[in-house]
Amino acid sequence: MPSVYNESRNYAASKQVVFKQTVAALSALGFRIKNSNEANGLIEAEKDINVRSWGEKIKITVTSSTAGSQVNVESKAAYPLQAVDWGKNKENVQRILTDLDSRVAADSSTPPPPPPPPSP
């Protein structure tokens, strides 16, 4: 079974904004996008062979939630017999989410959070 790591994050932004910014983050980080379907909220990408691995496959799902949207990022070894990833999958997921955090926060189409209710 290949090595795998996944993590989820919630955003106050809409699914459309988060999807668009996720595609931008992947491209900026050097991942090759293989499939992108906004209607299904699915993005599949890959990273080429490098010194630390035989490459990785990235699967991202973006779904609507009551607070905005939720993103799940999964990175797994491309080579099915690679059992150890030396932390590369976790690094991929964290790099994607860190870049996505800043992109969503900077997106001018993301409305600011509502103000807190007044105190009685």
PDB file of N, CA and C in Angstrom:
ATOM      1  N   MET A   1       0.849  -1.178   0.000  1.00  0.00           N
ATOM      2  CA  MET A   1       0.000   0.000   0.000  1.00  0.00           C
ATOM      3  C   MET A   1       0.891   1.236   0.000  1.00  0.00           C
ATOM      4  N   PRO A   2       0.619   2.195  -0.913  1.00  0.00           N
ATOM      5  CA  PRO A   2       1.473   3.376  -0.979  1.00  0.00           C
ATOM      6  C   PRO A   2       1.281   4.277   0.238  1.00  0.00           C
ATOM      7  N   SER A   3       2.314   5.027   0.527  1.00  0.00           N
ATOM      8  CA  SER A   3       2.270   5.982   1.618  1.00  0.00           C
ATOM      9  C   SER A   3       1.293   7.103   1.257  1.00  0.00           C
ATOM     10  N   VAL A   4       0.513   7.556   2.251  1.00  0.00           N
ATOM     11  CA  VAL A   4      -0.511   8.576   2.001  1.00  0.00           C
ATOM     12  C   VAL A   4      -0.643   9.504   3.199  1.00  0.00           C
ATOM     13  N   TYR A   5      -1.031  10.764   2.931  1.00  0.00           N
ATOM     14  CA  TYR A   5      -1.313  11.735   3.998  1.00  0.00           C
ATOM     15  C   TYR A   5      -2.456  12.606   3.512  1.00  0.00           C
ATOM     16  N   ASN A   6      -3.417  12.906   4.400  1.00  0.00           N
ATOM     17  CA  ASN A   6      -4.484  13.836   4.029  1.00  0.00           C
ATOM     18  C   ASN A   6      -4.847  14.730   5.204  1.00  0.00           C
ATOM     19  N   GLU A   7      -5.417  15.877   4.851  1.00  0.00           N
ATOM     20  CA  GLU A   7      -5.812  16.869   5.848  1.00  0.00           C
ATOM     21  C   GLU A   7      -6.950  17.698   5.266  1.00  0.00           C
ATOM     22  N   SER A   8      -7.859  18.135   6.135  1.00  0.00           N
ATOM     23  CA  SER A   8      -8.995  18.955   5.714  1.00  0.00           C
ATOM     24  C   SER A   8      -8.919  20.330   6.348  1.00  0.00           C
ATOM     25  N   ARG A   9      -9.544  21.295   5.681  1.00  0.00           N
ATOM     26  CA  ARG A   9      -9.582  22.652   6.211  1.00  0.00           C
ATOM     27  C   ARG A   9     -10.882  23.311   5.769  1.00  0.00           C
ATOM     28  N   ASN A  10     -11.438  24.159   6.639  1.00  0.00           N
ATOM     29  CA  ASN A  10     -12.656  24.908   6.334  1.00  0.00           C
ATOM     30  C   ASN A  10     -12.311  26.358   6.019  1.00  0.00           C
ATOM     31  N   TYR A  11     -13.072  26.941   5.091  1.00  0.00           N
ATOM     32  CA  TYR A  11     -12.896  28.339   4.708  1.00  0.00           C
ATOM     33  C   TYR A  11     -14.251  29.039   4.720  1.00  0.00           C
ATOM     34  N   ALA A  12     -14.250  30.311   5.037  1.00  0.00           N
ATOM     35  CA  ALA A  12     -15.476  31.100   5.029  1.00  0.00           C
ATOM     36  C   ALA A  12     -15.868  31.499   3.607  1.00  0.00           C
ATOM     37  N   ALA A  13     -15.002  31.291   2.650  1.00  0.00           N
ATOM     38  CA  ALA A  13     -15.251  31.648   1.259  1.00  0.00           C
ATOM     39  C   ALA A  13     -16.118  30.590   0.572  1.00  0.00           C
ATOM     40  N   SER A  14     -16.712  30.988  -0.551  1.00  0.00           N
ATOM     41  CA  SER A  14     -17.563  30.069  -1.320  1.00  0.00           C
ATOM     42  C   SER A  14     -16.743  28.955  -1.962  1.00  0.00           C
ATOM     43  N   LYS A  15     -17.432  27.913  -2.352  1.00  0.00           N
ATOM     44  CA  LYS A  15     -16.794  26.784  -3.034  1.00  0.00           C
ATOM     45  C   LYS A  15     -16.114  27.253  -4.320  1.00  0.00           C
ATOM     46  N   GLN A  16     -16.752  28.152  -5.060  1.00  0.00           N
ATOM     47  CA  GLN A  16     -16.203  28.632  -6.323  1.00  0.00           C
ATOM     48  C   GLN A  16     -14.879  29.371  -6.109  1.00  0.00           C
ATOM     49  N   VAL A  17     -14.837  30.240  -5.107  1.00  0.00           N
ATOM     50  CA  VAL A  17     -13.609  30.994  -4.808  1.00  0.00           C
ATOM     51  C   VAL A  17     -12.502  30.046  -4.383  1.00  0.00           C
ATOM     52  N   VAL A  18     -12.810  29.131  -3.486  1.00  0.00           N
ATOM     53  CA  VAL A  18     -11.799  28.202  -2.973  1.00  0.00           C
ATOM     54  C   VAL A  18     -11.306  27.279  -4.092  1.00  0.00           C
ATOM     55  N   PHE A  19     -12.201  26.806  -4.943  1.00  0.00           N
ATOM     56  CA  PHE A  19     -11.799  25.951  -6.052  1.00  0.00           C
ATOM     57  C   PHE A  19     -10.822  26.696  -6.958  1.00  0.00           C
ATOM     58  N   LYS A  20     -11.180  27.912  -7.347  1.00  0.00           N
ATOM     59  CA  LYS A  20     -10.334  28.720  -8.232  1.00  0.00           C
ATOM     60  C   LYS A  20      -8.953  28.949  -7.603  1.00  0.00           C
ATOM     61  N   GLN A  21      -8.925  29.270  -6.322  1.00  0.00           N
ATOM     62  CA  GLN A  21      -7.656  29.536  -5.641  1.00  0.00           C
ATOM     63  C   GLN A  21      -6.840  28.255  -5.433  1.00  0.00           C
ATOM     64  N   THR A  22      -7.505  27.119  -5.303  1.00  0.00           N
ATOM     65  CA  THR A  22      -6.797  25.845  -5.171  1.00  0.00           C
ATOM     66  C   THR A  22      -6.063  25.509  -6.466  1.00  0.00           C
ATOM     67  N   VAL A  23      -6.721  25.696  -7.596  1.00  0.00           N
ATOM     68  CA  VAL A  23      -6.079  25.466  -8.892  1.00  0.00           C
ATOM     69  C   VAL A  23      -4.867  26.390  -9.040  1.00  0.00           C
ATOM     70  N   ALA A  24      -5.036  27.662  -8.653  1.00  0.00           N
ATOM     71  CA  ALA A  24      -3.931  28.619  -8.745  1.00  0.00           C
ATOM     72  C   ALA A  24      -2.765  28.216  -7.842  1.00  0.00           C
ATOM     73  N   ALA A  25      -3.074  27.748  -6.629  1.00  0.00           N
ATOM     74  CA  ALA A  25      -2.026  27.330  -5.689  1.00  0.00           C
ATOM     75  C   ALA A  25      -1.248  26.142  -6.240  1.00  0.00           C
ATOM     76  N   LEU A  26      -1.941  25.155  -6.769  1.00  0.00           N
ATOM     77  CA  LEU A  26      -1.270  23.979  -7.327  1.00  0.00           C
ATOM     78  C   LEU A  26      -0.322  24.371  -8.459  1.00  0.00           C
ATOM     79  N   SER A  27      -0.793  25.225  -9.348  1.00  0.00           N
ATOM     80  CA  SER A  27       0.040  25.664 -10.469  1.00  0.00           C
ATOM     81  C   SER A  27       1.270  26.425  -9.967  1.00  0.00           C
ATOM     82  N   ALA A  28       1.072  27.309  -9.015  1.00  0.00           N
ATOM     83  CA  ALA A  28       2.183  28.104  -8.478  1.00  0.00           C
ATOM     84  C   ALA A  28       3.220  27.236  -7.773  1.00  0.00           C
ATOM     85  N   LEU A  29       2.776  26.136  -7.179  1.00  0.00           N
ATOM     86  CA  LEU A  29       3.685  25.252  -6.446  1.00  0.00           C
ATOM     87  C   LEU A  29       4.345  24.187  -7.336  1.00  0.00           C
ATOM     88  N   GLY A  30       4.031  24.201  -8.619  1.00  0.00           N
ATOM     89  CA  GLY A  30       4.689  23.286  -9.549  1.00  0.00           C
ATOM     90  C   GLY A  30       4.033  21.928  -9.722  1.00  0.00           C
ATOM     91  N   PHE A  31       2.792  21.791  -9.286  1.00  0.00           N
ATOM     92  CA  PHE A  31       2.067  20.540  -9.503  1.00  0.00           C
ATOM     93  C   PHE A  31       1.442  20.571 -10.893  1.00  0.00           C
ATOM     94  N   ARG A  32       1.377  19.426 -11.543  1.00  0.00           N
ATOM     95  CA  ARG A  32       0.756  19.322 -12.859  1.00  0.00           C
ATOM     96  C   ARG A  32      -0.694  18.878 -12.658  1.00  0.00           C
ATOM     97  N   ILE A  33      -1.627  19.699 -13.092  1.00  0.00           N
ATOM     98  CA  ILE A  33      -3.049  19.396 -12.932  1.00  0.00           C
ATOM     99  C   ILE A  33      -3.471  18.432 -14.041  1.00  0.00           C
ATOM    100  N   LYS A  34      -3.984  17.273 -13.629  1.00  0.00           N
ATOM    101  CA  LYS A  34      -4.418  16.237 -14.574  1.00  0.00           C
ATOM    102  C   LYS A  34      -5.913  16.312 -14.849  1.00  0.00           C
ATOM    103  N   ASN A  35      -6.685  16.729 -13.839  1.00  0.00           N
ATOM    104  CA  ASN A  35      -8.137  16.783 -13.964  1.00  0.00           C
ATOM    105  C   ASN A  35      -8.649  17.881 -13.036  1.00  0.00           C
ATOM    106  N   SER A  36      -9.578  18.666 -13.543  1.00  0.00           N
ATOM    107  CA  SER A  36     -10.159  19.749 -12.745  1.00  0.00           C
ATOM    108  C   SER A  36     -11.631  19.864 -13.119  1.00  0.00           C
ATOM    109  N   ASN A  37     -12.526  19.576 -12.162  1.00  0.00           N
ATOM    110  CA  ASN A  37     -13.959  19.611 -12.425  1.00  0.00           C
ATOM    111  C   ASN A  37     -14.640  20.392 -11.306  1.00  0.00           C
ATOM    112  N   GLU A  38     -14.917  21.655 -11.572  1.00  0.00           N
ATOM    113  CA  GLU A  38     -15.492  22.520 -10.541  1.00  0.00           C
ATOM    114  C   GLU A  38     -16.875  22.042 -10.096  1.00  0.00           C
ATOM    115  N   ALA A  39     -17.679  21.540 -11.019  1.00  0.00           N
ATOM    116  CA  ALA A  39     -19.026  21.078 -10.666  1.00  0.00           C
ATOM    117  C   ALA A  39     -18.973  19.967  -9.613  1.00  0.00           C
ATOM    118  N   ASN A  40     -18.016  19.058  -9.765  1.00  0.00           N
ATOM    119  CA  ASN A  40     -17.852  17.964  -8.800  1.00  0.00           C
ATOM    120  C   ASN A  40     -16.947  18.331  -7.640  1.00  0.00           C
ATOM    121  N   GLY A  41     -16.248  19.469  -7.761  1.00  0.00           N
ATOM    122  CA  GLY A  41     -15.327  19.896  -6.716  1.00  0.00           C
ATOM    123  C   GLY A  41     -14.080  19.042  -6.628  1.00  0.00           C
ATOM    124  N   LEU A  42     -13.684  18.425  -7.743  1.00  0.00           N
ATOM    125  CA  LEU A  42     -12.551  17.499  -7.731  1.00  0.00           C
ATOM    126  C   LEU A  42     -11.389  18.046  -8.550  1.00  0.00           C
ATOM    127  N   ILE A  43     -10.195  17.976  -7.954  1.00  0.00           N
ATOM    128  CA  ILE A  43      -8.958  18.334  -8.646  1.00  0.00           C
ATOM    129  C   ILE A  43      -7.979  17.187  -8.433  1.00  0.00           C
ATOM    130  N   GLU A  44      -7.371  16.724  -9.525  1.00  0.00           N
ATOM    131  CA  GLU A  44      -6.335  15.705  -9.443  1.00  0.00           C
ATOM    132  C   GLU A  44      -5.073  16.275 -10.071  1.00  0.00           C
ATOM    133  N   ALA A  45      -3.968  16.115  -9.361  1.00  0.00           N
ATOM    134  CA  ALA A  45      -2.693  16.650  -9.838  1.00  0.00           C
ATOM    135  C   ALA A  45      -1.596  15.650  -9.510  1.00  0.00           C
ATOM    136  N   GLU A  46      -0.407  15.937 -10.010  1.00  0.00           N
ATOM    137  CA  GLU A  46       0.718  15.068  -9.697  1.00  0.00           C
ATOM    138  C   GLU A  46       2.008  15.857  -9.633  1.00  0.00           C
ATOM    139  N   LYS A  47       2.965  15.266  -8.968  1.00  0.00           N
ATOM    140  CA  LYS A  47       4.312  15.823  -8.849  1.00  0.00           C
ATOM    141  C   LYS A  47       5.256  14.779  -9.423  1.00  0.00           C
ATOM    142  N   ASP A  48       6.232  15.224 -10.184  1.00  0.00           N
ATOM    143  CA  ASP A  48       7.161  14.305 -10.837  1.00  0.00           C
ATOM    144  C   ASP A  48       8.111  13.644  -9.846  1.00  0.00           C
ATOM    145  N   ILE A  49       8.811  12.652 -10.345  1.00  0.00           N
ATOM    146  CA  ILE A  49       9.850  11.961  -9.574  1.00  0.00           C
ATOM    147  C   ILE A  49      10.870  12.988  -9.096  1.00  0.00           C
ATOM    148  N   ASN A  50      11.304  12.812  -7.846  1.00  0.00           N
ATOM    149  CA  ASN A  50      12.327  13.693  -7.301  1.00  0.00           C
ATOM    150  C   ASN A  50      13.272  12.870  -6.438  1.00  0.00           C
ATOM    151  N   VAL A  51      14.198  13.524  -5.803  1.00  0.00           N
ATOM    152  CA  VAL A  51      15.210  12.829  -5.007  1.00  0.00           C
ATOM    153  C   VAL A  51      14.582  12.018  -3.875  1.00  0.00           C
ATOM    154  N   ARG A  52      13.453  12.495  -3.324  1.00  0.00           N
ATOM    155  CA  ARG A  52      12.857  11.857  -2.160  1.00  0.00           C
ATOM    156  C   ARG A  52      11.722  10.884  -2.484  1.00  0.00           C
ATOM    157  N   SER A  53      11.280  10.822  -3.731  1.00  0.00           N
ATOM    158  CA  SER A  53      10.172   9.905  -4.023  1.00  0.00           C
ATOM    159  C   SER A  53      10.082   9.604  -5.521  1.00  0.00           C
ATOM    160  N   TRP A  54       9.202   8.662  -5.832  1.00  0.00           N
ATOM    161  CA  TRP A  54       8.916   8.309  -7.215  1.00  0.00           C
ATOM    162  C   TRP A  54       7.777   9.158  -7.762  1.00  0.00           C
ATOM    163  N   GLY A  55       7.489  10.264  -7.114  1.00  0.00           N
ATOM    164  CA  GLY A  55       6.398  11.141  -7.515  1.00  0.00           C
ATOM    165  C   GLY A  55       5.189  10.944  -6.621  1.00  0.00           C
ATOM    166  N   GLU A  56       4.289  11.918  -6.653  1.00  0.00           N
ATOM    167  CA  GLU A  56       3.093  11.853  -5.820  1.00  0.00           C
ATOM    168  C   GLU A  56       1.861  12.193  -6.642  1.00  0.00           C
ATOM    169  N   LYS A  57       0.742  11.616  -6.218  1.00  0.00           N
ATOM    170  CA  LYS A  57      -0.567  11.933  -6.785  1.00  0.00           C
ATOM    171  C   LYS A  57      -1.331  12.732  -5.745  1.00  0.00           C
ATOM    172  N   ILE A  58      -1.923  13.827  -6.191  1.00  0.00           N
ATOM    173  CA  ILE A  58      -2.668  14.716  -5.306  1.00  0.00           C
ATOM    174  C   ILE A  58      -4.139  14.647  -5.689  1.00  0.00           C
ATOM    175  N   LYS A  59      -4.998  14.468  -4.696  1.00  0.00           N
ATOM    176  CA  LYS A  59      -6.450  14.483  -4.924  1.00  0.00           C
ATOM    177  C   LYS A  59      -7.038  15.501  -3.952  1.00  0.00           C
ATOM    178  N   ILE A  60      -7.767  16.461  -4.495  1.00  0.00           N
ATOM    179  CA  ILE A  60      -8.371  17.514  -3.680  1.00  0.00           C
ATOM    180  C   ILE A  60      -9.862  17.555  -3.961  1.00  0.00           C
ATOM    181  N   THR A  61     -10.650  17.584  -2.897  1.00  0.00           N
ATOM    182  CA  THR A  61     -12.093  17.786  -3.046  1.00  0.00           C
ATOM    183  C   THR A  61     -12.467  19.081  -2.340  1.00  0.00           C
ATOM    184  N   VAL A  62     -13.291  19.865  -3.009  1.00  0.00           N
ATOM    185  CA  VAL A  62     -13.803  21.120  -2.455  1.00  0.00           C
ATOM    186  C   VAL A  62     -15.315  20.989  -2.406  1.00  0.00           C
ATOM    187  N   THR A  63     -15.883  21.119  -1.218  1.00  0.00           N
ATOM    188  CA  THR A  63     -17.333  20.993  -1.056  1.00  0.00           C
ATOM    189  C   THR A  63     -17.885  22.220  -0.342  1.00  0.00           C
ATOM    190  N   SER A  64     -19.142  22.491  -0.586  1.00  0.00           N
ATOM    191  CA  SER A  64     -19.818  23.575   0.134  1.00  0.00           C
ATOM    192  C   SER A  64     -20.116  23.120   1.550  1.00  0.00           C
ATOM    193  N   SER A  65     -20.076  24.058   2.476  1.00  0.00           N
ATOM    194  CA  SER A  65     -20.436  23.764   3.861  1.00  0.00           C
ATOM    195  C   SER A  65     -21.266  24.922   4.394  1.00  0.00           C
ATOM    196  N   THR A  66     -21.829  24.753   5.565  1.00  0.00           N
ATOM    197  CA  THR A  66     -22.663  25.807   6.140  1.00  0.00           C
ATOM    198  C   THR A  66     -21.873  27.089   6.388  1.00  0.00           C
ATOM    199  N   ALA A  67     -20.581  26.968   6.647  1.00  0.00           N
ATOM    200  CA  ALA A  67     -19.749  28.140   6.923  1.00  0.00           C
ATOM    201  C   ALA A  67     -19.050  28.660   5.670  1.00  0.00           C
ATOM    202  N   GLY A  68     -19.201  27.997   4.532  1.00  0.00           N
ATOM    203  CA  GLY A  68     -18.531  28.407   3.303  1.00  0.00           C
ATOM    204  C   GLY A  68     -18.144  27.208   2.476  1.00  0.00           C
ATOM    205  N   SER A  69     -16.959  26.661   2.752  1.00  0.00           N
ATOM    206  CA  SER A  69     -16.510  25.487   2.008  1.00  0.00           C
ATOM    207  C   SER A  69     -15.491  24.696   2.814  1.00  0.00           C
ATOM    208  N   GLN A  70     -15.336  23.448   2.413  1.00  0.00           N
ATOM    209  CA  GLN A  70     -14.356  22.564   3.044  1.00  0.00           C
ATOM    210  C   GLN A  70     -13.473  21.977   1.953  1.00  0.00           C
ATOM    211  N   VAL A  71     -12.183  21.897   2.247  1.00  0.00           N
ATOM    212  CA  VAL A  71     -11.206  21.340   1.318  1.00  0.00           C
ATOM    213  C   VAL A  71     -10.554  20.134   1.976  1.00  0.00           C
ATOM    214  N   ASN A  72     -10.459  19.042   1.229  1.00  0.00           N
ATOM    215  CA  ASN A  72      -9.707  17.881   1.684  1.00  0.00           C
ATOM    216  C   ASN A  72      -8.587  17.650   0.676  1.00  0.00           C
ATOM    217  N   VAL A  73      -7.346  17.621   1.175  1.00  0.00           N
ATOM    218  CA  VAL A  73      -6.176  17.427   0.323  1.00  0.00           C
ATOM    219  C   VAL A  73      -5.524  16.100   0.694  1.00  0.00           C
ATOM    220  N   GLU A  74      -5.313  15.255  -0.303  1.00  0.00           N
ATOM    221  CA  GLU A  74      -4.657  13.966  -0.099  1.00  0.00           C
ATOM    222  C   GLU A  74      -3.457  13.870  -1.035  1.00  0.00           C
ATOM    223  N   SER A  75      -2.332  13.451  -0.478  1.00  0.00           N
ATOM    224  CA  SER A  75      -1.132  13.202  -1.267  1.00  0.00           C
ATOM    225  C   SER A  75      -0.715  11.756  -1.020  1.00  0.00           C
ATOM    226  N   LYS A  76      -0.483  11.033  -2.105  1.00  0.00           N
ATOM    227  CA  LYS A  76      -0.024   9.654  -1.937  1.00  0.00           C
ATOM    228  C   LYS A  76       1.063   9.352  -2.956  1.00  0.00           C
ATOM    229  N   ALA A  77       1.874   8.391  -2.618  1.00  0.00           N
ATOM    230  CA  ALA A  77       2.967   7.988  -3.493  1.00  0.00           C
ATOM    231  C   ALA A  77       2.410   7.497  -4.823  1.00  0.00           C
ATOM    232  N   ALA A  78       3.030   7.914  -5.918  1.00  0.00           N
ATOM    233  CA  ALA A  78       2.589   7.488  -7.241  1.00  0.00           C
ATOM    234  C   ALA A  78       2.959   6.029  -7.499  1.00  0.00           C
ATOM    235  N   TYR A  79       4.065   5.604  -6.937  1.00  0.00           N
ATOM    236  CA  TYR A  79       4.521   4.222  -7.112  1.00  0.00           C
ATOM    237  C   TYR A  79       3.871   3.368  -6.032  1.00  0.00           C
ATOM    238  N   PRO A  80       3.039   2.402  -6.388  1.00  0.00           N
ATOM    239  CA  PRO A  80       2.251   1.662  -5.399  1.00  0.00           C
ATOM    240  C   PRO A  80       3.054   0.876  -4.361  1.00  0.00           C
ATOM    241  N   LEU A  81       4.303   0.561  -4.642  1.00  0.00           N
ATOM    242  CA  LEU A  81       5.096  -0.206  -3.679  1.00  0.00           C
ATOM    243  C   LEU A  81       5.964   0.671  -2.782  1.00  0.00           C
ATOM    244  N   GLN A  82       5.850   1.981  -2.933  1.00  0.00           N
ATOM    245  CA  GLN A  82       6.626   2.890  -2.077  1.00  0.00           C
ATOM    246  C   GLN A  82       5.933   3.004  -0.720  1.00  0.00           C
ATOM    247  N   ALA A  83       6.496   2.352   0.287  1.00  0.00           N
ATOM    248  CA  ALA A  83       5.878   2.313   1.608  1.00  0.00           C
ATOM    249  C   ALA A  83       6.308   3.478   2.496  1.00  0.00           C
ATOM    250  N   VAL A  84       7.464   4.073   2.232  1.00  0.00           N
ATOM    251  CA  VAL A  84       7.980   5.174   3.050  1.00  0.00           C
ATOM    252  C   VAL A  84       8.115   6.400   2.160  1.00  0.00           C
ATOM    253  N   ASP A  85       7.617   7.537   2.651  1.00  0.00           N
ATOM    254  CA  ASP A  85       7.671   8.748   1.827  1.00  0.00           C
ATOM    255  C   ASP A  85       8.596   9.824   2.389  1.00  0.00           C
ATOM    256  N   TRP A  86       9.251   9.540   3.507  1.00  0.00           N
ATOM    257  CA  TRP A  86      10.197  10.481   4.124  1.00  0.00           C
ATOM    258  C   TRP A  86       9.549  11.836   4.408  1.00  0.00           C
ATOM    259  N   GLY A  87       8.239  11.836   4.656  1.00  0.00           N
ATOM    260  CA  GLY A  87       7.524  13.068   4.989  1.00  0.00           C
ATOM    261  C   GLY A  87       7.097  13.893   3.791  1.00  0.00           C
ATOM    262  N   LYS A  88       7.312  13.393   2.588  1.00  0.00           N
ATOM    263  CA  LYS A  88       7.009  14.151   1.374  1.00  0.00           C
ATOM    264  C   LYS A  88       5.510  14.389   1.195  1.00  0.00           C
ATOM    265  N   ASN A  89       4.661  13.400   1.494  1.00  0.00           N
ATOM    266  CA  ASN A  89       3.219  13.591   1.332  1.00  0.00           C
ATOM    267  C   ASN A  89       2.682  14.638   2.299  1.00  0.00           C
ATOM    268  N   LYS A  90       3.120  14.592   3.542  1.00  0.00           N
ATOM    269  CA  LYS A  90       2.699  15.599   4.516  1.00  0.00           C
ATOM    270  C   LYS A  90       3.175  16.987   4.083  1.00  0.00           C
ATOM    271  N   GLU A  91       4.402  17.057   3.609  1.00  0.00           N
ATOM    272  CA  GLU A  91       4.946  18.334   3.135  1.00  0.00           C
ATOM    273  C   GLU A  91       4.108  18.883   1.977  1.00  0.00           C
ATOM    274  N   ASN A  92       3.738  18.018   1.025  1.00  0.00           N
ATOM    275  CA  ASN A  92       2.903  18.449  -0.102  1.00  0.00           C
ATOM    276  C   ASN A  92       1.588  19.041   0.382  1.00  0.00           C
ATOM    277  N   VAL A  93       0.902  18.322   1.260  1.00  0.00           N
ATOM    278  CA  VAL A  93      -0.405  18.770   1.758  1.00  0.00           C
ATOM    279  C   VAL A  93      -0.261  20.097   2.500  1.00  0.00           C
ATOM    280  N   GLN A  94       0.727  20.210   3.350  1.00  0.00           N
ATOM    281  CA  GLN A  94       0.897  21.440   4.123  1.00  0.00           C
ATOM    282  C   GLN A  94       1.288  22.625   3.244  1.00  0.00           C
ATOM    283  N   ARG A  95       2.108  22.390   2.228  1.00  0.00           N
ATOM    284  CA  ARG A  95       2.461  23.473   1.302  1.00  0.00           C
ATOM    285  C   ARG A  95       1.228  23.960   0.541  1.00  0.00           C
ATOM    286  N   ILE A  96       0.401  23.021   0.088  1.00  0.00           N
ATOM    287  CA  ILE A  96      -0.810  23.389  -0.645  1.00  0.00           C
ATOM    288  C   ILE A  96      -1.746  24.194   0.248  1.00  0.00           C
ATOM    289  N   LEU A  97      -2.000  23.698   1.459  1.00  0.00           N
ATOM    290  CA  LEU A  97      -2.931  24.384   2.350  1.00  0.00           C
ATOM    291  C   LEU A  97      -2.403  25.745   2.800  1.00  0.00           C
ATOM    292  N   THR A  98      -1.111  25.863   3.043  1.00  0.00           N
ATOM    293  CA  THR A  98      -0.535  27.150   3.440  1.00  0.00           C
ATOM    294  C   THR A  98      -0.692  28.168   2.319  1.00  0.00           C
ATOM    295  N   ASP A  99      -0.395  27.755   1.092  1.00  0.00           N
ATOM    296  CA  ASP A  99      -0.554  28.657  -0.048  1.00  0.00           C
ATOM    297  C   ASP A  99      -2.025  29.005  -0.251  1.00  0.00           C
ATOM    298  N   LEU A 100      -2.892  28.018  -0.113  1.00  0.00           N
ATOM    299  CA  LEU A 100      -4.329  28.252  -0.274  1.00  0.00           C
ATOM    300  C   LEU A 100      -4.853  29.207   0.789  1.00  0.00           C
ATOM    301  N   ASP A 101      -4.394  29.063   2.035  1.00  0.00           N
ATOM    302  CA  ASP A 101      -4.809  29.985   3.107  1.00  0.00           C
ATOM    303  C   ASP A 101      -4.570  31.438   2.699  1.00  0.00           C
ATOM    304  N   SER A 102      -3.367  31.731   2.216  1.00  0.00           N
ATOM    305  CA  SER A 102      -3.038  33.113   1.868  1.00  0.00           C
ATOM    306  C   SER A 102      -3.804  33.581   0.639  1.00  0.00           C
ATOM    307  N   ARG A 103      -4.016  32.694  -0.316  1.00  0.00           N
ATOM    308  CA  ARG A 103      -4.770  33.077  -1.522  1.00  0.00           C
ATOM    309  C   ARG A 103      -6.236  33.375  -1.212  1.00  0.00           C
ATOM    310  N   VAL A 104      -6.858  32.545  -0.392  1.00  0.00           N
ATOM    311  CA  VAL A 104      -8.265  32.768  -0.039  1.00  0.00           C
ATOM    312  C   VAL A 104      -8.399  34.049   0.786  1.00  0.00           C
ATOM    313  N   ALA A 105      -7.474  34.269   1.712  1.00  0.00           N
ATOM    314  CA  ALA A 105      -7.516  35.479   2.534  1.00  0.00           C
ATOM    315  C   ALA A 105      -7.342  36.738   1.689  1.00  0.00           C
ATOM    316  N   ALA A 106      -6.545  36.660   0.624  1.00  0.00           N
ATOM    317  CA  ALA A 106      -6.266  37.828  -0.216  1.00  0.00           C
ATOM    318  C   ALA A 106      -7.277  38.015  -1.338  1.00  0.00           C
ATOM    319  N   ASP A 107      -8.131  37.030  -1.593  1.00  0.00           N
ATOM    320  CA  ASP A 107      -9.086  37.106  -2.699  1.00  0.00           C
ATOM    321  C   ASP A 107     -10.106  38.199  -2.419  1.00  0.00           C
ATOM    322  N   SER A 108     -10.160  39.184  -3.297  1.00  0.00           N
ATOM    323  CA  SER A 108     -11.067  40.321  -3.082  1.00  0.00           C
ATOM    324  C   SER A 108     -12.530  39.931  -3.233  1.00  0.00           C
ATOM    325  N   SER A 109     -12.822  38.778  -3.840  1.00  0.00           N
ATOM    326  CA  SER A 109     -14.214  38.362  -3.974  1.00  0.00           C
ATOM    327  C   SER A 109     -14.718  37.635  -2.724  1.00  0.00           C
ATOM    328  N   THR A 110     -13.822  37.430  -1.753  1.00  0.00           N
ATOM    329  CA  THR A 110     -14.225  36.790  -0.508  1.00  0.00           C
ATOM    330  C   THR A 110     -14.775  37.863   0.426  1.00  0.00           C
ATOM    331  N   PRO A 111     -16.031  37.784   0.797  1.00  0.00           N
ATOM    332  CA  PRO A 111     -16.579  38.805   1.700  1.00  0.00           C
ATOM    333  C   PRO A 111     -15.954  38.693   3.089  1.00  0.00           C
ATOM    334  N   PRO A 112     -15.811  39.816   3.774  1.00  0.00           N
ATOM    335  CA  PRO A 112     -15.285  39.748   5.130  1.00  0.00           C
ATOM    336  C   PRO A 112     -16.264  39.022   6.037  1.00  0.00           C
ATOM    337  N   PRO A 113     -15.782  38.441   7.122  1.00  0.00           N
ATOM    338  CA  PRO A 113     -16.697  37.763   8.029  1.00  0.00           C
ATOM    339  C   PRO A 113     -17.682  38.751   8.641  1.00  0.00           C
ATOM    340  N   PRO A 114     -18.886  38.306   9.000  1.00  0.00           N
ATOM    341  CA  PRO A 114     -19.864  39.223   9.578  1.00  0.00           C
ATOM    342  C   PRO A 114     -19.386  39.729  10.937  1.00  0.00           C
ATOM    343  N   PRO A 115     -19.799  40.929  11.315  1.00  0.00           N
ATOM    344  CA  PRO A 115     -19.382  41.446  12.623  1.00  0.00           C
ATOM    345  C   PRO A 115     -20.063  40.664  13.739  1.00  0.00           C
ATOM    346  N   PRO A 116     -19.448  40.636  14.912  1.00  0.00           N
ATOM    347  CA  PRO A 116     -20.084  39.918  16.018  1.00  0.00           C
ATOM    348  C   PRO A 116     -21.382  40.625  16.428  1.00  0.00           C
ATOM    349  N   PRO A 117     -22.322  39.886  16.984  1.00  0.00           N
ATOM    350  CA  PRO A 117     -23.577  40.518  17.414  1.00  0.00           C
ATOM    351  C   PRO A 117     -23.311  41.515  18.536  1.00  0.00           C
ATOM    352  N   PRO A 118     -24.124  42.553  18.612  1.00  0.00           N
ATOM    353  CA  PRO A 118     -23.928  43.554  19.681  1.00  0.00           C
ATOM    354  C   PRO A 118     -24.167  42.949  21.060  1.00  0.00           C
ATOM    355  N   SER A 119     -23.449  43.473  21.998  1.00  0.00           N
ATOM    356  CA  SER A 119     -23.623  43.013  23.399  1.00  0.00           C
ATOM    357  C   SER A 119     -24.890  43.622  23.968  1.00  0.00           C
ATOM    358  N   PRO A 120     -25.599  42.854  24.804  1.00  0.00           N
ATOM    359  CA  PRO A 120     -26.830  43.398  25.412  1.00  0.00           C
ATOM    360  C   PRO A 120     -26.531  44.402  26.484  1.00  0.00           C
TER     361      PRO A 120
END
